[in-house]
């Protein structure tokens, strides 16, 4: 596995966390805000744990995790009460997509 690409993938997840924190601060609905914060925290825990297992990462589990986060992010996006935050959601999706692409390249399966 290409450690440099893995590091880039994790950097994109970190970027997504930062975007989620901004989205949480601007959210006007308590329940949604707590969901956004929980998603960001889940990503932070993932990033903290990956430092312990860098050589033994399970690519399929990482891809599944990105997919799960994308689903949660999608639900938050489509149920947002204002289109003013749409660019931040799009940027967060772009981060997850870039992380996925880096993981695939790291595993030697990229195009």
PDB file of N, CA and C in Angstrom:
ATOM      1  N   UNK A   1       0.820  -1.176   0.000  1.00  0.00           N
ATOM      2  CA  UNK A   1       0.000   0.000   0.000  1.00  0.00           C
ATOM      3  C   UNK A   1       0.872   1.251   0.000  1.00  0.00           C
ATOM      4  N   UNK A   2       0.480   2.244  -0.739  1.00  0.00           N
ATOM      5  CA  UNK A   2       1.214   3.496  -0.866  1.00  0.00           C
ATOM      6  C   UNK A   2       0.875   4.405   0.318  1.00  0.00           C
ATOM      7  N   UNK A   3       1.826   4.537   1.252  1.00  0.00           N
ATOM      8  CA  UNK A   3       1.581   5.313   2.465  1.00  0.00           C
ATOM      9  C   UNK A   3       1.342   6.794   2.182  1.00  0.00           C
ATOM     10  N   UNK A   4       1.999   7.331   1.145  1.00  0.00           N
ATOM     11  CA  UNK A   4       1.797   8.736   0.806  1.00  0.00           C
ATOM     12  C   UNK A   4       0.350   8.980   0.365  1.00  0.00           C
ATOM     13  N   UNK A   5      -0.191   8.097  -0.434  1.00  0.00           N
ATOM     14  CA  UNK A   5      -1.576   8.230  -0.888  1.00  0.00           C
ATOM     15  C   UNK A   5      -2.549   8.041   0.267  1.00  0.00           C
ATOM     16  N   UNK A   6      -2.209   7.130   1.187  1.00  0.00           N
ATOM     17  CA  UNK A   6      -3.055   6.942   2.363  1.00  0.00           C
ATOM     18  C   UNK A   6      -3.075   8.219   3.189  1.00  0.00           C
ATOM     19  N   UNK A   7      -1.915   8.838   3.357  1.00  0.00           N
ATOM     20  CA  UNK A   7      -1.832  10.089   4.104  1.00  0.00           C
ATOM     21  C   UNK A   7      -2.672  11.167   3.430  1.00  0.00           C
ATOM     22  N   UNK A   8      -2.639  11.216   2.105  1.00  0.00           N
ATOM     23  CA  UNK A   8      -3.456  12.190   1.372  1.00  0.00           C
ATOM     24  C   UNK A   8      -4.946  11.898   1.562  1.00  0.00           C
ATOM     25  N   UNK A   9      -5.312  10.643   1.566  1.00  0.00           N
ATOM     26  CA  UNK A   9      -6.710  10.268   1.780  1.00  0.00           C
ATOM     27  C   UNK A   9      -7.167  10.734   3.154  1.00  0.00           C
ATOM     28  N   UNK A  10      -6.349  10.485   4.166  1.00  0.00           N
ATOM     29  CA  UNK A  10      -6.713  10.894   5.517  1.00  0.00           C
ATOM     30  C   UNK A  10      -6.762  12.415   5.644  1.00  0.00           C
ATOM     31  N   UNK A  11      -5.917  13.115   4.900  1.00  0.00           N
ATOM     32  CA  UNK A  11      -5.955  14.584   4.902  1.00  0.00           C
ATOM     33  C   UNK A  11      -7.282  15.087   4.346  1.00  0.00           C
ATOM     34  N   UNK A  12      -7.802  14.404   3.332  1.00  0.00           N
ATOM     35  CA  UNK A  12      -9.106  14.802   2.772  1.00  0.00           C
ATOM     36  C   UNK A  12     -10.226  14.566   3.784  1.00  0.00           C
ATOM     37  N   UNK A  13     -10.134  13.486   4.549  1.00  0.00           N
ATOM     38  CA  UNK A  13     -11.130  13.238   5.594  1.00  0.00           C
ATOM     39  C   UNK A  13     -11.044  14.354   6.638  1.00  0.00           C
ATOM     40  N   UNK A  14      -9.833  14.745   6.994  1.00  0.00           N
ATOM     41  CA  UNK A  14      -9.650  15.843   7.946  1.00  0.00           C
ATOM     42  C   UNK A  14     -10.275  17.129   7.408  1.00  0.00           C
ATOM     43  N   UNK A  15     -10.088  17.402   6.125  1.00  0.00           N
ATOM     44  CA  UNK A  15     -10.704  18.579   5.502  1.00  0.00           C
ATOM     45  C   UNK A  15     -12.229  18.520   5.634  1.00  0.00           C
ATOM     46  N   UNK A  16     -12.776  17.337   5.462  1.00  0.00           N
ATOM     47  CA  UNK A  16     -14.220  17.148   5.582  1.00  0.00           C
ATOM     48  C   UNK A  16     -14.674  17.454   7.009  1.00  0.00           C
ATOM     49  N   UNK A  17     -13.906  17.021   7.984  1.00  0.00           N
ATOM     50  CA  UNK A  17     -14.227  17.300   9.389  1.00  0.00           C
ATOM     51  C   UNK A  17     -14.315  18.807   9.606  1.00  0.00           C
ATOM     52  N   UNK A  18     -13.348  19.535   9.075  1.00  0.00           N
ATOM     53  CA  UNK A  18     -13.348  20.989   9.245  1.00  0.00           C
ATOM     54  C   UNK A  18     -14.588  21.623   8.619  1.00  0.00           C
ATOM     55  N   UNK A  19     -14.984  21.147   7.460  1.00  0.00           N
ATOM     56  CA  UNK A  19     -16.200  21.664   6.817  1.00  0.00           C
ATOM     57  C   UNK A  19     -17.436  21.337   7.644  1.00  0.00           C
ATOM     58  N   UNK A  20     -17.487  20.142   8.186  1.00  0.00           N
ATOM     59  CA  UNK A  20     -18.628  19.752   9.016  1.00  0.00           C
ATOM     60  C   UNK A  20     -18.719  20.623  10.267  1.00  0.00           C
ATOM     61  N   UNK A  21     -17.592  20.971  10.833  1.00  0.00           N
ATOM     62  CA  UNK A  21     -17.610  21.823  12.021  1.00  0.00           C
ATOM     63  C   UNK A  21     -18.181  23.199  11.693  1.00  0.00           C
ATOM     64  N   UNK A  22     -17.860  23.721  10.525  1.00  0.00           N
ATOM     65  CA  UNK A  22     -18.434  24.999  10.090  1.00  0.00           C
ATOM     66  C   UNK A  22     -19.935  24.843   9.859  1.00  0.00           C
ATOM     67  N   UNK A  23     -20.334  23.762   9.219  1.00  0.00           N
ATOM     68  CA  UNK A  23     -21.758  23.510   8.986  1.00  0.00           C
ATOM     69  C   UNK A  23     -22.523  23.384  10.301  1.00  0.00           C
ATOM     70  N   UNK A  24     -21.941  22.725  11.282  1.00  0.00           N
ATOM     71  CA  UNK A  24     -22.606  22.552  12.578  1.00  0.00           C
ATOM     72  C   UNK A  24     -22.819  23.901  13.259  1.00  0.00           C
ATOM     73  N   UNK A  25     -21.828  24.759  13.185  1.00  0.00           N
ATOM     74  CA  UNK A  25     -21.940  26.075  13.816  1.00  0.00           C
ATOM     75  C   UNK A  25     -23.058  26.904  13.196  1.00  0.00           C
ATOM     76  N   UNK A  26     -23.286  26.739  11.903  1.00  0.00           N
ATOM     77  CA  UNK A  26     -24.301  27.530  11.215  1.00  0.00           C
ATOM     78  C   UNK A  26     -25.674  26.883  11.165  1.00  0.00           C
ATOM     79  N   UNK A  27     -25.800  25.680  11.692  1.00  0.00           N
ATOM     80  CA  UNK A  27     -27.072  24.966  11.611  1.00  0.00           C
ATOM     81  C   UNK A  27     -28.046  25.505  12.656  1.00  0.00           C
ATOM     82  N   UNK A  28     -29.295  25.722  12.242  1.00  0.00           N
ATOM     83  CA  UNK A  28     -30.304  26.308  13.123  1.00  0.00           C
ATOM     84  C   UNK A  28     -31.202  25.265  13.787  1.00  0.00           C
ATOM     85  N   UNK A  29     -30.988  23.991  13.512  1.00  0.00           N
ATOM     86  CA  UNK A  29     -31.842  22.941  14.061  1.00  0.00           C
ATOM     87  C   UNK A  29     -30.991  22.047  14.977  1.00  0.00           C
ATOM     88  N   UNK A  30     -31.369  22.002  16.255  1.00  0.00           N
ATOM     89  CA  UNK A  30     -30.573  21.271  17.249  1.00  0.00           C
ATOM     90  C   UNK A  30     -30.301  19.820  16.857  1.00  0.00           C
ATOM     91  N   UNK A  31     -31.321  19.091  16.440  1.00  0.00           N
ATOM     92  CA  UNK A  31     -31.147  17.684  16.087  1.00  0.00           C
ATOM     93  C   UNK A  31     -30.185  17.487  14.936  1.00  0.00           C
ATOM     94  N   UNK A  32     -30.287  18.332  13.945  1.00  0.00           N
ATOM     95  CA  UNK A  32     -29.371  18.251  12.792  1.00  0.00           C
ATOM     96  C   UNK A  32     -27.957  18.613  13.222  1.00  0.00           C
ATOM     97  N   UNK A  33     -27.855  19.672  14.023  1.00  0.00           N
ATOM     98  CA  UNK A  33     -26.543  20.119  14.489  1.00  0.00           C
ATOM     99  C   UNK A  33     -25.844  18.984  15.241  1.00  0.00           C
ATOM    100  N   UNK A  34     -26.587  18.272  16.079  1.00  0.00           N
ATOM    101  CA  UNK A  34     -25.971  17.163  16.822  1.00  0.00           C
ATOM    102  C   UNK A  34     -25.571  16.025  15.877  1.00  0.00           C
ATOM    103  N   UNK A  35     -26.334  15.805  14.818  1.00  0.00           N
ATOM    104  CA  UNK A  35     -25.972  14.776  13.831  1.00  0.00           C
ATOM    105  C   UNK A  35     -24.691  15.173  13.097  1.00  0.00           C
ATOM    106  N   UNK A  36     -24.590  16.439  12.736  1.00  0.00           N
ATOM    107  CA  UNK A  36     -23.384  16.925  12.046  1.00  0.00           C
ATOM    108  C   UNK A  36     -22.173  16.785  12.970  1.00  0.00           C
ATOM    109  N   UNK A  37     -22.340  17.173  14.228  1.00  0.00           N
ATOM    110  CA  UNK A  37     -21.239  17.062  15.191  1.00  0.00           C
ATOM    111  C   UNK A  37     -20.838  15.602  15.407  1.00  0.00           C
ATOM    112  N   UNK A  38     -21.818  14.718  15.476  1.00  0.00           N
ATOM    113  CA  UNK A  38     -21.527  13.287  15.663  1.00  0.00           C
ATOM    114  C   UNK A  38     -20.765  12.729  14.460  1.00  0.00           C
ATOM    115  N   UNK A  39     -21.153  13.166  13.261  1.00  0.00           N
ATOM    116  CA  UNK A  39     -20.456  12.720  12.055  1.00  0.00           C
ATOM    117  C   UNK A  39     -19.003  13.194  12.078  1.00  0.00           C
ATOM    118  N   UNK A  40     -18.792  14.446  12.433  1.00  0.00           N
ATOM    119  CA  UNK A  40     -17.427  14.984  12.526  1.00  0.00           C
ATOM    120  C   UNK A  40     -16.623  14.220  13.577  1.00  0.00           C
ATOM    121  N   UNK A  41     -17.246  13.923  14.703  1.00  0.00           N
ATOM    122  CA  UNK A  41     -16.546  13.190  15.765  1.00  0.00           C
ATOM    123  C   UNK A  41     -16.194  11.774  15.309  1.00  0.00           C
ATOM    124  N   UNK A  42     -17.103  11.137  14.604  1.00  0.00           N
ATOM    125  CA  UNK A  42     -16.838   9.795  14.082  1.00  0.00           C
ATOM    126  C   UNK A  42     -15.620   9.823  13.151  1.00  0.00           C
ATOM    127  N   UNK A  43     -15.538  10.847  12.316  1.00  0.00           N
ATOM    128  CA  UNK A  43     -14.397  10.976  11.414  1.00  0.00           C
ATOM    129  C   UNK A  43     -13.112  11.224  12.199  1.00  0.00           C
ATOM    130  N   UNK A  44     -13.185  12.033  13.247  1.00  0.00           N
ATOM    131  CA  UNK A  44     -11.993  12.295  14.073  1.00  0.00           C
ATOM    132  C   UNK A  44     -11.498  11.008  14.746  1.00  0.00           C
ATOM    133  N   UNK A  45     -12.425  10.227  15.276  1.00  0.00           N
ATOM    134  CA  UNK A  45     -12.052   8.953  15.909  1.00  0.00           C
ATOM    135  C   UNK A  45     -11.391   8.038  14.881  1.00  0.00           C
ATOM    136  N   UNK A  46     -11.977   7.985  13.694  1.00  0.00           N
ATOM    137  CA  UNK A  46     -11.410   7.188  12.596  1.00  0.00           C
ATOM    138  C   UNK A  46      -9.972   7.630  12.308  1.00  0.00           C
ATOM    139  N   UNK A  47      -9.761   8.948  12.210  1.00  0.00           N
ATOM    140  CA  UNK A  47      -8.424   9.460  11.924  1.00  0.00           C
ATOM    141  C   UNK A  47      -7.458   9.147  13.064  1.00  0.00           C
ATOM    142  N   UNK A  48      -7.913   9.260  14.300  1.00  0.00           N
ATOM    143  CA  UNK A  48      -7.055   8.936  15.448  1.00  0.00           C
ATOM    144  C   UNK A  48      -6.688   7.462  15.458  1.00  0.00           C
ATOM    145  N   UNK A  49      -7.653   6.604  15.170  1.00  0.00           N
ATOM    146  CA  UNK A  49      -7.403   5.155  15.178  1.00  0.00           C
ATOM    147  C   UNK A  49      -6.532   4.716  14.022  1.00  0.00           C
ATOM    148  N   UNK A  50      -6.626   5.370  12.888  1.00  0.00           N
ATOM    149  CA  UNK A  50      -5.822   4.957  11.736  1.00  0.00           C
ATOM    150  C   UNK A  50      -4.342   5.131  12.002  1.00  0.00           C
ATOM    151  N   UNK A  51      -3.981   6.060  12.882  1.00  0.00           N
ATOM    152  CA  UNK A  51      -2.569   6.243  13.222  1.00  0.00           C
ATOM    153  C   UNK A  51      -2.003   4.999  13.907  1.00  0.00           C
ATOM    154  N   UNK A  52      -2.873   4.240  14.534  1.00  0.00           N
ATOM    155  CA  UNK A  52      -2.434   3.035  15.238  1.00  0.00           C
ATOM    156  C   UNK A  52      -2.306   1.827  14.316  1.00  0.00           C
ATOM    157  N   UNK A  53      -2.904   1.902  13.125  1.00  0.00           N
ATOM    158  CA  UNK A  53      -2.973   0.722  12.262  1.00  0.00           C
ATOM    159  C   UNK A  53      -2.512   0.988  10.837  1.00  0.00           C
ATOM    160  N   UNK A  54      -1.630   1.973  10.647  1.00  0.00           N
ATOM    161  CA  UNK A  54      -1.273   2.383   9.290  1.00  0.00           C
ATOM    162  C   UNK A  54      -0.858   1.219   8.405  1.00  0.00           C
ATOM    163  N   UNK A  55      -0.049   0.308   8.836  1.00  0.00           N
ATOM    164  CA  UNK A  55       0.391  -0.779   7.969  1.00  0.00           C
ATOM    165  C   UNK A  55      -0.672  -1.825   7.711  1.00  0.00           C
ATOM    166  N   UNK A  56      -1.672  -1.904   8.558  1.00  0.00           N
ATOM    167  CA  UNK A  56      -2.641  -2.979   8.442  1.00  0.00           C
ATOM    168  C   UNK A  56      -4.058  -2.517   8.146  1.00  0.00           C
ATOM    169  N   UNK A  57      -4.186  -1.459   7.414  1.00  0.00           N
ATOM    170  CA  UNK A  57      -5.515  -0.951   7.094  1.00  0.00           C
ATOM    171  C   UNK A  57      -6.245  -1.925   6.193  1.00  0.00           C
ATOM    172  N   UNK A  58      -7.536  -1.979   6.362  1.00  0.00           N
ATOM    173  CA  UNK A  58      -8.402  -2.802   5.540  1.00  0.00           C
ATOM    174  C   UNK A  58      -9.083  -1.872   4.539  1.00  0.00           C
ATOM    175  N   UNK A  59      -8.663  -1.931   3.289  1.00  0.00           N
ATOM    176  CA  UNK A  59      -9.175  -1.025   2.270  1.00  0.00           C
ATOM    177  C   UNK A  59     -10.687  -1.121   2.142  1.00  0.00           C
ATOM    178  N   UNK A  60     -11.209  -2.323   2.152  1.00  0.00           N
ATOM    179  CA  UNK A  60     -12.664  -2.490   2.019  1.00  0.00           C
ATOM    180  C   UNK A  60     -13.398  -1.819   3.166  1.00  0.00           C
ATOM    181  N   UNK A  61     -12.873  -1.927   4.374  1.00  0.00           N
ATOM    182  CA  UNK A  61     -13.503  -1.287   5.535  1.00  0.00           C
ATOM    183  C   UNK A  61     -13.423   0.231   5.410  1.00  0.00           C
ATOM    184  N   UNK A  62     -12.290   0.738   4.925  1.00  0.00           N
ATOM    185  CA  UNK A  62     -12.157   2.182   4.736  1.00  0.00           C
ATOM    186  C   UNK A  62     -13.144   2.695   3.693  1.00  0.00           C
ATOM    187  N   UNK A  63     -13.272   1.986   2.593  1.00  0.00           N
ATOM    188  CA  UNK A  63     -14.206   2.388   1.536  1.00  0.00           C
ATOM    189  C   UNK A  63     -15.642   2.334   2.067  1.00  0.00           C
ATOM    190  N   UNK A  64     -15.965   1.303   2.809  1.00  0.00           N
ATOM    191  CA  UNK A  64     -17.305   1.187   3.395  1.00  0.00           C
ATOM    192  C   UNK A  64     -17.579   2.347   4.349  1.00  0.00           C
ATOM    193  N   UNK A  65     -16.567   2.723   5.120  1.00  0.00           N
ATOM    194  CA  UNK A  65     -16.727   3.847   6.043  1.00  0.00           C
ATOM    195  C   UNK A  65     -17.002   5.134   5.284  1.00  0.00           C
ATOM    196  N   UNK A  66     -16.253   5.386   4.219  1.00  0.00           N
ATOM    197  CA  UNK A  66     -16.480   6.585   3.404  1.00  0.00           C
ATOM    198  C   UNK A  66     -17.893   6.583   2.828  1.00  0.00           C
ATOM    199  N   UNK A  67     -18.347   5.425   2.389  1.00  0.00           N
ATOM    200  CA  UNK A  67     -19.691   5.295   1.833  1.00  0.00           C
ATOM    201  C   UNK A  67     -20.756   5.613   2.885  1.00  0.00           C
ATOM    202  N   UNK A  68     -20.559   5.099   4.083  1.00  0.00           N
ATOM    203  CA  UNK A  68     -21.504   5.366   5.169  1.00  0.00           C
ATOM    204  C   UNK A  68     -21.566   6.858   5.487  1.00  0.00           C
ATOM    205  N   UNK A  69     -20.411   7.473   5.585  1.00  0.00           N
ATOM    206  CA  UNK A  69     -20.385   8.915   5.850  1.00  0.00           C
ATOM    207  C   UNK A  69     -21.047   9.697   4.727  1.00  0.00           C
ATOM    208  N   UNK A  70     -20.817   9.277   3.489  1.00  0.00           N
ATOM    209  CA  UNK A  70     -21.444   9.950   2.350  1.00  0.00           C
ATOM    210  C   UNK A  70     -22.960   9.873   2.426  1.00  0.00           C
ATOM    211  N   UNK A  71     -23.492   8.737   2.865  1.00  0.00           N
ATOM    212  CA  UNK A  71     -24.940   8.592   3.014  1.00  0.00           C
ATOM    213  C   UNK A  71     -25.501   9.543   4.053  1.00  0.00           C
ATOM    214  N   UNK A  72     -24.816   9.648   5.187  1.00  0.00           N
ATOM    215  CA  UNK A  72     -25.262  10.565   6.243  1.00  0.00           C
ATOM    216  C   UNK A  72     -25.175  11.998   5.753  1.00  0.00           C
ATOM    217  N   UNK A  73     -24.078  12.327   5.101  1.00  0.00           N
ATOM    218  CA  UNK A  73     -23.885  13.676   4.570  1.00  0.00           C
ATOM    219  C   UNK A  73     -24.962  14.011   3.538  1.00  0.00           C
ATOM    220  N   UNK A  74     -25.314  13.037   2.710  1.00  0.00           N
ATOM    221  CA  UNK A  74     -26.361  13.246   1.710  1.00  0.00           C
ATOM    222  C   UNK A  74     -27.704  13.555   2.348  1.00  0.00           C
ATOM    223  N   UNK A  75     -28.055  12.807   3.391  1.00  0.00           N
ATOM    224  CA  UNK A  75     -29.322  13.084   4.089  1.00  0.00           C
ATOM    225  C   UNK A  75     -29.318  14.472   4.696  1.00  0.00           C
ATOM    226  N   UNK A  76     -28.198  14.859   5.288  1.00  0.00           N
ATOM    227  CA  UNK A  76     -28.107  16.199   5.862  1.00  0.00           C
ATOM    228  C   UNK A  76     -28.228  17.271   4.779  1.00  0.00           C
ATOM    229  N   UNK A  77     -27.604  17.027   3.665  1.00  0.00           N
ATOM    230  CA  UNK A  77     -27.628  17.993   2.566  1.00  0.00           C
ATOM    231  C   UNK A  77     -29.042  18.201   2.025  1.00  0.00           C
ATOM    232  N   UNK A  78     -29.733  17.129   1.711  1.00  0.00           N
ATOM    233  CA  UNK A  78     -31.043  17.275   1.072  1.00  0.00           C
ATOM    234  C   UNK A  78     -32.105  17.785   2.037  1.00  0.00           C
ATOM    235  N   UNK A  79     -31.855  17.692   3.333  1.00  0.00           N
ATOM    236  CA  UNK A  79     -32.845  18.177   4.294  1.00  0.00           C
ATOM    237  C   UNK A  79     -32.449  19.509   4.921  1.00  0.00           C
ATOM    238  N   UNK A  80     -31.416  20.137   4.410  1.00  0.00           N
ATOM    239  CA  UNK A  80     -30.995  21.445   4.913  1.00  0.00           C
ATOM    240  C   UNK A  80     -32.039  22.486   4.526  1.00  0.00           C
ATOM    241  N   UNK A  81     -32.311  23.417   5.440  1.00  0.00           N
ATOM    242  CA  UNK A  81     -33.375  24.389   5.217  1.00  0.00           C
ATOM    243  C   UNK A  81     -32.942  25.585   4.377  1.00  0.00           C
ATOM    244  N   UNK A  82     -31.681  25.661   3.993  1.00  0.00           N
ATOM    245  CA  UNK A  82     -31.223  26.792   3.183  1.00  0.00           C
ATOM    246  C   UNK A  82     -30.214  26.338   2.144  1.00  0.00           C
ATOM    247  N   UNK A  83     -30.299  26.928   0.981  1.00  0.00           N
ATOM    248  CA  UNK A  83     -29.341  26.577  -0.070  1.00  0.00           C
ATOM    249  C   UNK A  83     -28.012  27.304   0.105  1.00  0.00           C
ATOM    250  N   UNK A  84     -27.936  28.199   1.074  1.00  0.00           N
ATOM    251  CA  UNK A  84     -26.685  28.932   1.310  1.00  0.00           C
ATOM    252  C   UNK A  84     -25.555  28.029   1.775  1.00  0.00           C
ATOM    253  N   UNK A  85     -25.900  26.897   2.379  1.00  0.00           N
ATOM    254  CA  UNK A  85     -24.870  25.973   2.848  1.00  0.00           C
ATOM    255  C   UNK A  85     -24.542  24.887   1.819  1.00  0.00           C
ATOM    256  N   UNK A  86     -25.249  24.903   0.702  1.00  0.00           N
ATOM    257  CA  UNK A  86     -25.022  23.889  -0.334  1.00  0.00           C
ATOM    258  C   UNK A  86     -23.560  23.818  -0.786  1.00  0.00           C
ATOM    259  N   UNK A  87     -22.877  24.944  -0.972  1.00  0.00           N
ATOM    260  CA  UNK A  87     -21.467  24.840  -1.390  1.00  0.00           C
ATOM    261  C   UNK A  87     -20.586  24.109  -0.376  1.00  0.00           C
ATOM    262  N   UNK A  88     -20.855  24.292   0.908  1.00  0.00           N
ATOM    263  CA  UNK A  88     -20.059  23.590   1.926  1.00  0.00           C
ATOM    264  C   UNK A  88     -20.341  22.089   1.892  1.00  0.00           C
ATOM    265  N   UNK A  89     -21.605  21.736   1.710  1.00  0.00           N
ATOM    266  CA  UNK A  89     -21.930  20.309   1.575  1.00  0.00           C
ATOM    267  C   UNK A  89     -21.235  19.727   0.346  1.00  0.00           C
ATOM    268  N   UNK A  90     -21.261  20.454  -0.750  1.00  0.00           N
ATOM    269  CA  UNK A  90     -20.603  19.987  -1.975  1.00  0.00           C
ATOM    270  C   UNK A  90     -19.098  19.814  -1.725  1.00  0.00           C
ATOM    271  N   UNK A  91     -18.503  20.768  -1.029  1.00  0.00           N
ATOM    272  CA  UNK A  91     -17.076  20.659  -0.725  1.00  0.00           C
ATOM    273  C   UNK A  91     -16.791  19.447   0.170  1.00  0.00           C
ATOM    274  N   UNK A  92     -17.689  19.188   1.123  1.00  0.00           N
ATOM    275  CA  UNK A  92     -17.517  18.026   1.996  1.00  0.00           C
ATOM    276  C   UNK A  92     -17.601  16.730   1.184  1.00  0.00           C
ATOM    277  N   UNK A  93     -18.562  16.670   0.261  1.00  0.00           N
ATOM    278  CA  UNK A  93     -18.661  15.498  -0.620  1.00  0.00           C
ATOM    279  C   UNK A  93     -17.393  15.348  -1.458  1.00  0.00           C
ATOM    280  N   UNK A  94     -16.882  16.463  -1.959  1.00  0.00           N
ATOM    281  CA  UNK A  94     -15.654  16.422  -2.757  1.00  0.00           C
ATOM    282  C   UNK A  94     -14.490  15.857  -1.941  1.00  0.00           C
ATOM    283  N   UNK A  95     -14.431  16.198  -0.661  1.00  0.00           N
ATOM    284  CA  UNK A  95     -13.380  15.671   0.208  1.00  0.00           C
ATOM    285  C   UNK A  95     -13.500  14.157   0.345  1.00  0.00           C
ATOM    286  N   UNK A  96     -14.729  13.674   0.560  1.00  0.00           N
ATOM    287  CA  UNK A  96     -14.926  12.227   0.685  1.00  0.00           C
ATOM    288  C   UNK A  96     -14.576  11.521  -0.621  1.00  0.00           C
ATOM    289  N   UNK A  97     -14.962  12.109  -1.729  1.00  0.00           N
ATOM    290  CA  UNK A  97     -14.659  11.519  -3.031  1.00  0.00           C
ATOM    291  C   UNK A  97     -13.147  11.469  -3.257  1.00  0.00           C
ATOM    292  N   UNK A  98     -12.462  12.567  -2.925  1.00  0.00           N
ATOM    293  CA  UNK A  98     -11.004  12.606  -3.082  1.00  0.00           C
ATOM    294  C   UNK A  98     -10.332  11.580  -2.170  1.00  0.00           C
ATOM    295  N   UNK A  99     -10.863  11.411  -0.964  1.00  0.00           N
ATOM    296  CA  UNK A  99     -10.314  10.403  -0.051  1.00  0.00           C
ATOM    297  C   UNK A  99     -10.465   9.016  -0.659  1.00  0.00           C
ATOM    298  N   UNK A 100     -11.626   8.737  -1.224  1.00  0.00           N
ATOM    299  CA  UNK A 100     -11.864   7.447  -1.878  1.00  0.00           C
ATOM    300  C   UNK A 100     -10.862   7.226  -3.016  1.00  0.00           C
ATOM    301  N   UNK A 101     -10.693   8.236  -3.844  1.00  0.00           N
ATOM    302  CA  UNK A 101      -9.771   8.107  -4.977  1.00  0.00           C
ATOM    303  C   UNK A 101      -8.346   7.832  -4.499  1.00  0.00           C
ATOM    304  N   UNK A 102      -7.919   8.498  -3.433  1.00  0.00           N
ATOM    305  CA  UNK A 102      -6.575   8.276  -2.901  1.00  0.00           C
ATOM    306  C   UNK A 102      -6.431   6.871  -2.316  1.00  0.00           C
ATOM    307  N   UNK A 103      -7.478   6.388  -1.654  1.00  0.00           N
ATOM    308  CA  UNK A 103      -7.428   5.027  -1.114  1.00  0.00           C
ATOM    309  C   UNK A 103      -7.272   4.001  -2.222  1.00  0.00           C
ATOM    310  N   UNK A 104      -8.011   4.192  -3.307  1.00  0.00           N
ATOM    311  CA  UNK A 104      -7.932   3.272  -4.444  1.00  0.00           C
ATOM    312  C   UNK A 104      -6.542   3.294  -5.066  1.00  0.00           C
ATOM    313  N   UNK A 105      -5.978   4.485  -5.226  1.00  0.00           N
ATOM    314  CA  UNK A 105      -4.623   4.595  -5.776  1.00  0.00           C
ATOM    315  C   UNK A 105      -3.623   3.947  -4.815  1.00  0.00           C
ATOM    316  N   UNK A 106      -3.807   4.174  -3.521  1.00  0.00           N
ATOM    317  CA  UNK A 106      -2.904   3.594  -2.520  1.00  0.00           C
ATOM    318  C   UNK A 106      -2.904   2.070  -2.600  1.00  0.00           C
ATOM    319  N   UNK A 107      -4.041   1.513  -2.935  1.00  0.00           N
ATOM    320  CA  UNK A 107      -4.158   0.052  -3.028  1.00  0.00           C
ATOM    321  C   UNK A 107      -3.686  -0.481  -4.384  1.00  0.00           C
ATOM    322  N   UNK A 108      -3.281   0.427  -5.270  1.00  0.00           N
ATOM    323  CA  UNK A 108      -2.800   0.001  -6.579  1.00  0.00           C
ATOM    324  C   UNK A 108      -3.894  -0.311  -7.574  1.00  0.00           C
ATOM    325  N   UNK A 109      -5.103   0.194  -7.309  1.00  0.00           N
ATOM    326  CA  UNK A 109      -6.230  -0.085  -8.192  1.00  0.00           C
ATOM    327  C   UNK A 109      -6.727   1.146  -8.924  1.00  0.00           C
ATOM    328  N   UNK A 110      -6.037   2.273  -8.796  1.00  0.00           N
ATOM    329  CA  UNK A 110      -6.498   3.521  -9.416  1.00  0.00           C
ATOM    330  C   UNK A 110      -6.238   3.573 -10.896  1.00  0.00           C
ATOM    331  N   UNK A 111      -6.876   4.528 -11.511  1.00  0.00           N
ATOM    332  CA  UNK A 111      -6.713   4.728 -12.961  1.00  0.00           C
ATOM    333  C   UNK A 111      -5.656   5.762 -13.240  1.00  0.00           C
TER     334      UNK A 111
END
